[in-house]
Amino acid sequence: MELPETFKPIPENVKVYETLYQEYSKLHDYFGHGENNVMKRLKSIKQSVQ
């Protein structure tokens, strides 16, 4: 059985990776957990024009 490929972060980029992850996490929460229902509204618009 073949093991899945793994990736190791470039040590000098770890701080940037962590900063980006924090921002993406905020976006996920903002758009995906009820703070802003824009995604539901967009899906509703899409369904109304099909």
PDB file of N, CA and C in Angstrom:
ATOM      1  N   MET A   1       0.838  -1.181   0.000  1.00  0.00           N
ATOM      2  CA  MET A   1       0.000   0.000   0.000  1.00  0.00           C
ATOM      3  C   MET A   1       0.887   1.250   0.000  1.00  0.00           C
ATOM      4  N   GLU A   2       0.572   2.178  -0.882  1.00  0.00           N
ATOM      5  CA  GLU A   2       1.370   3.393  -1.011  1.00  0.00           C
ATOM      6  C   GLU A   2       0.893   4.445  -0.006  1.00  0.00           C
ATOM      7  N   LEU A   3       1.835   5.077   0.663  1.00  0.00           N
ATOM      8  CA  LEU A   3       1.500   6.123   1.616  1.00  0.00           C
ATOM      9  C   LEU A   3       1.160   7.407   0.887  1.00  0.00           C
ATOM     10  N   PRO A   4       0.251   8.208   1.457  1.00  0.00           N
ATOM     11  CA  PRO A   4      -0.066   9.486   0.802  1.00  0.00           C
ATOM     12  C   PRO A   4       1.133  10.425   0.809  1.00  0.00           C
ATOM     13  N   GLU A   5       1.176  11.255  -0.187  1.00  0.00           N
ATOM     14  CA  GLU A   5       2.261  12.227  -0.285  1.00  0.00           C
ATOM     15  C   GLU A   5       2.134  13.247   0.848  1.00  0.00           C
ATOM     16  N   THR A   6       3.239  13.612   1.429  1.00  0.00           N
ATOM     17  CA  THR A   6       3.222  14.628   2.481  1.00  0.00           C
ATOM     18  C   THR A   6       4.040  15.832   2.046  1.00  0.00           C
ATOM     19  N   PHE A   7       3.708  16.954   2.619  1.00  0.00           N
ATOM     20  CA  PHE A   7       4.407  18.189   2.320  1.00  0.00           C
ATOM     21  C   PHE A   7       4.953  18.775   3.602  1.00  0.00           C
ATOM     22  N   LYS A   8       6.134  19.294   3.536  1.00  0.00           N
ATOM     23  CA  LYS A   8       6.752  19.926   4.702  1.00  0.00           C
ATOM     24  C   LYS A   8       6.880  21.419   4.407  1.00  0.00           C
ATOM     25  N   PRO A   9       6.465  22.258   5.365  1.00  0.00           N
ATOM     26  CA  PRO A   9       6.551  23.695   5.118  1.00  0.00           C
ATOM     27  C   PRO A   9       7.990  24.171   5.009  1.00  0.00           C
ATOM     28  N   ILE A  10       8.161  25.202   4.245  1.00  0.00           N
ATOM     29  CA  ILE A  10       9.466  25.851   4.147  1.00  0.00           C
ATOM     30  C   ILE A  10       9.614  26.680   5.425  1.00  0.00           C
ATOM     31  N   PRO A  11      10.598  26.367   6.255  1.00  0.00           N
ATOM     32  CA  PRO A  11      10.691  27.000   7.574  1.00  0.00           C
ATOM     33  C   PRO A  11      10.610  28.530   7.562  1.00  0.00           C
ATOM     34  N   GLU A  12      11.263  29.171   6.615  1.00  0.00           N
ATOM     35  CA  GLU A  12      11.244  30.626   6.600  1.00  0.00           C
ATOM     36  C   GLU A  12       9.896  31.212   6.174  1.00  0.00           C
ATOM     37  N   ASN A  13       8.993  30.363   5.683  1.00  0.00           N
ATOM     38  CA  ASN A  13       7.669  30.829   5.265  1.00  0.00           C
ATOM     39  C   ASN A  13       6.571  30.510   6.280  1.00  0.00           C
ATOM     40  N   VAL A  14       6.899  29.828   7.342  1.00  0.00           N
ATOM     41  CA  VAL A  14       5.889  29.377   8.302  1.00  0.00           C
ATOM     42  C   VAL A  14       5.082  30.541   8.871  1.00  0.00           C
ATOM     43  N   LYS A  15       5.718  31.638   9.197  1.00  0.00           N
ATOM     44  CA  LYS A  15       4.993  32.778   9.757  1.00  0.00           C
ATOM     45  C   LYS A  15       3.945  33.294   8.769  1.00  0.00           C
ATOM     46  N   VAL A  16       4.311  33.374   7.513  1.00  0.00           N
ATOM     47  CA  VAL A  16       3.357  33.821   6.495  1.00  0.00           C
ATOM     48  C   VAL A  16       2.222  32.815   6.356  1.00  0.00           C
ATOM     49  N   TYR A  17       2.535  31.522   6.361  1.00  0.00           N
ATOM     50  CA  TYR A  17       1.497  30.487   6.282  1.00  0.00           C
ATOM     51  C   TYR A  17       0.509  30.650   7.431  1.00  0.00           C
ATOM     52  N   GLU A  18       1.017  30.868   8.629  1.00  0.00           N
ATOM     53  CA  GLU A  18       0.152  31.006   9.799  1.00  0.00           C
ATOM     54  C   GLU A  18      -0.744  32.240   9.680  1.00  0.00           C
ATOM     55  N   THR A  19      -0.193  33.335   9.190  1.00  0.00           N
ATOM     56  CA  THR A  19      -0.977  34.555   9.007  1.00  0.00           C
ATOM     57  C   THR A  19      -2.077  34.334   7.976  1.00  0.00           C
ATOM     58  N   LEU A  20      -1.729  33.708   6.854  1.00  0.00           N
ATOM     59  CA  LEU A  20      -2.727  33.422   5.826  1.00  0.00           C
ATOM     60  C   LEU A  20      -3.807  32.489   6.356  1.00  0.00           C
ATOM     61  N   TYR A  21      -3.425  31.476   7.105  1.00  0.00           N
ATOM     62  CA  TYR A  21      -4.400  30.538   7.655  1.00  0.00           C
ATOM     63  C   TYR A  21      -5.392  31.266   8.557  1.00  0.00           C
ATOM     64  N   GLN A  22      -4.908  32.180   9.388  1.00  0.00           N
ATOM     65  CA  GLN A  22      -5.796  32.944  10.273  1.00  0.00           C
ATOM     66  C   GLN A  22      -6.810  33.747   9.458  1.00  0.00           C
ATOM     67  N   GLU A  23      -6.358  34.362   8.378  1.00  0.00           N
ATOM     68  CA  GLU A  23      -7.262  35.154   7.542  1.00  0.00           C
ATOM     69  C   GLU A  23      -8.285  34.262   6.834  1.00  0.00           C
ATOM     70  N   TYR A  24      -7.837  33.143   6.279  1.00  0.00           N
ATOM     71  CA  TYR A  24      -8.769  32.224   5.626  1.00  0.00           C
ATOM     72  C   TYR A  24      -9.771  31.663   6.618  1.00  0.00           C
ATOM     73  N   SER A  25      -9.325  31.411   7.837  1.00  0.00           N
ATOM     74  CA  SER A  25     -10.220  30.908   8.873  1.00  0.00           C
ATOM     75  C   SER A  25     -11.310  31.931   9.192  1.00  0.00           C
ATOM     76  N   LYS A  26     -10.932  33.204   9.271  1.00  0.00           N
ATOM     77  CA  LYS A  26     -11.916  34.268   9.507  1.00  0.00           C
ATOM     78  C   LYS A  26     -12.917  34.343   8.358  1.00  0.00           C
ATOM     79  N   LEU A  27     -12.419  34.241   7.128  1.00  0.00           N
ATOM     80  CA  LEU A  27     -13.321  34.264   5.974  1.00  0.00           C
ATOM     81  C   LEU A  27     -14.289  33.095   6.012  1.00  0.00           C
ATOM     82  N   HIS A  28     -13.779  31.928   6.329  1.00  0.00           N
ATOM     83  CA  HIS A  28     -14.638  30.742   6.419  1.00  0.00           C
ATOM     84  C   HIS A  28     -15.733  30.965   7.442  1.00  0.00           C
ATOM     85  N   ASP A  29     -15.361  31.453   8.613  1.00  0.00           N
ATOM     86  CA  ASP A  29     -16.354  31.694   9.659  1.00  0.00           C
ATOM     87  C   ASP A  29     -17.347  32.774   9.240  1.00  0.00           C
ATOM     88  N   TYR A  30     -16.854  33.830   8.623  1.00  0.00           N
ATOM     89  CA  TYR A  30     -17.706  34.940   8.224  1.00  0.00           C
ATOM     90  C   TYR A  30     -18.732  34.512   7.185  1.00  0.00           C
ATOM     91  N   PHE A  31     -18.288  33.765   6.183  1.00  0.00           N
ATOM     92  CA  PHE A  31     -19.188  33.374   5.116  1.00  0.00           C
ATOM     93  C   PHE A  31     -19.888  32.043   5.372  1.00  0.00           C
ATOM     94  N   GLY A  32     -19.369  31.234   6.279  1.00  0.00           N
ATOM     95  CA  GLY A  32     -19.906  29.895   6.423  1.00  0.00           C
ATOM     96  C   GLY A  32     -20.627  29.586   7.715  1.00  0.00           C
ATOM     97  N   HIS A  33     -20.656  30.523   8.657  1.00  0.00           N
ATOM     98  CA  HIS A  33     -21.253  30.205   9.950  1.00  0.00           C
ATOM     99  C   HIS A  33     -22.252  31.242  10.421  1.00  0.00           C
ATOM    100  N   GLY A  34     -22.972  31.868   9.508  1.00  0.00           N
ATOM    101  CA  GLY A  34     -24.095  32.693   9.888  1.00  0.00           C
ATOM    102  C   GLY A  34     -23.822  34.162  10.163  1.00  0.00           C
ATOM    103  N   GLU A  35     -22.573  34.581  10.280  1.00  0.00           N
ATOM    104  CA  GLU A  35     -22.332  36.010  10.493  1.00  0.00           C
ATOM    105  C   GLU A  35     -22.780  36.812   9.280  1.00  0.00           C
ATOM    106  N   ASN A  36     -22.644  36.224   8.128  1.00  0.00           N
ATOM    107  CA  ASN A  36     -23.055  36.860   6.894  1.00  0.00           C
ATOM    108  C   ASN A  36     -23.606  35.763   6.001  1.00  0.00           C
ATOM    109  N   ASN A  37     -24.870  35.829   5.687  1.00  0.00           N
ATOM    110  CA  ASN A  37     -25.510  34.772   4.906  1.00  0.00           C
ATOM    111  C   ASN A  37     -25.390  34.988   3.404  1.00  0.00           C
ATOM    112  N   VAL A  38     -24.337  35.657   2.980  1.00  0.00           N
ATOM    113  CA  VAL A  38     -24.172  35.951   1.561  1.00  0.00           C
ATOM    114  C   VAL A  38     -24.154  34.686   0.715  1.00  0.00           C
ATOM    115  N   MET A  39     -23.553  33.621   1.188  1.00  0.00           N
ATOM    116  CA  MET A  39     -23.496  32.396   0.383  1.00  0.00           C
ATOM    117  C   MET A  39     -24.898  31.825   0.180  1.00  0.00           C
ATOM    118  N   LYS A  40     -25.730  31.855   1.198  1.00  0.00           N
ATOM    119  CA  LYS A  40     -27.109  31.368   1.061  1.00  0.00           C
ATOM    120  C   LYS A  40     -27.888  32.252   0.098  1.00  0.00           C
ATOM    121  N   ARG A  41     -27.672  33.565   0.177  1.00  0.00           N
ATOM    122  CA  ARG A  41     -28.361  34.481  -0.733  1.00  0.00           C
ATOM    123  C   ARG A  41     -27.920  34.248  -2.174  1.00  0.00           C
ATOM    124  N   LEU A  42     -26.618  34.032  -2.377  1.00  0.00           N
ATOM    125  CA  LEU A  42     -26.130  33.768  -3.728  1.00  0.00           C
ATOM    126  C   LEU A  42     -26.695  32.462  -4.279  1.00  0.00           C
ATOM    127  N   LYS A  43     -26.779  31.438  -3.459  1.00  0.00           N
ATOM    128  CA  LYS A  43     -27.355  30.162  -3.897  1.00  0.00           C
ATOM    129  C   LYS A  43     -28.831  30.340  -4.236  1.00  0.00           C
ATOM    130  N   SER A  44     -29.517  31.139  -3.442  1.00  0.00           N
ATOM    131  CA  SER A  44     -30.938  31.393  -3.702  1.00  0.00           C
ATOM    132  C   SER A  44     -31.112  32.118  -5.033  1.00  0.00           C
ATOM    133  N   ILE A  45     -30.282  33.107  -5.288  1.00  0.00           N
ATOM    134  CA  ILE A  45     -30.345  33.822  -6.571  1.00  0.00           C
ATOM    135  C   ILE A  45     -30.084  32.853  -7.719  1.00  0.00           C
ATOM    136  N   LYS A  46     -29.091  32.004  -7.562  1.00  0.00           N
ATOM    137  CA  LYS A  46     -28.770  31.035  -8.612  1.00  0.00           C
ATOM    138  C   LYS A  46     -29.953  30.129  -8.893  1.00  0.00           C
ATOM    139  N   GLN A  47     -30.595  29.640  -7.832  1.00  0.00           N
ATOM    140  CA  GLN A  47     -31.727  28.732  -8.013  1.00  0.00           C
ATOM    141  C   GLN A  47     -32.922  29.444  -8.655  1.00  0.00           C
ATOM    142  N   SER A  48     -33.071  30.731  -8.354  1.00  0.00           N
ATOM    143  CA  SER A  48     -34.229  31.461  -8.896  1.00  0.00           C
ATOM    144  C   SER A  48     -34.114  31.730 -10.394  1.00  0.00           C
ATOM    145  N   VAL A  49     -32.918  31.665 -10.948  1.00  0.00           N
ATOM    146  CA  VAL A  49     -32.749  31.944 -12.373  1.00  0.00           C
ATOM    147  C   VAL A  49     -32.551  30.676 -13.212  1.00  0.00           C
ATOM    148  N   GLN A  50     -32.576  29.545 -12.587  1.00  0.00           N
ATOM    149  CA  GLN A  50     -32.396  28.293 -13.350  1.00  0.00           C
ATOM    150  C   GLN A  50     -33.703  27.806 -13.893  1.00  0.00           C
TER     151      GLN A  50
END
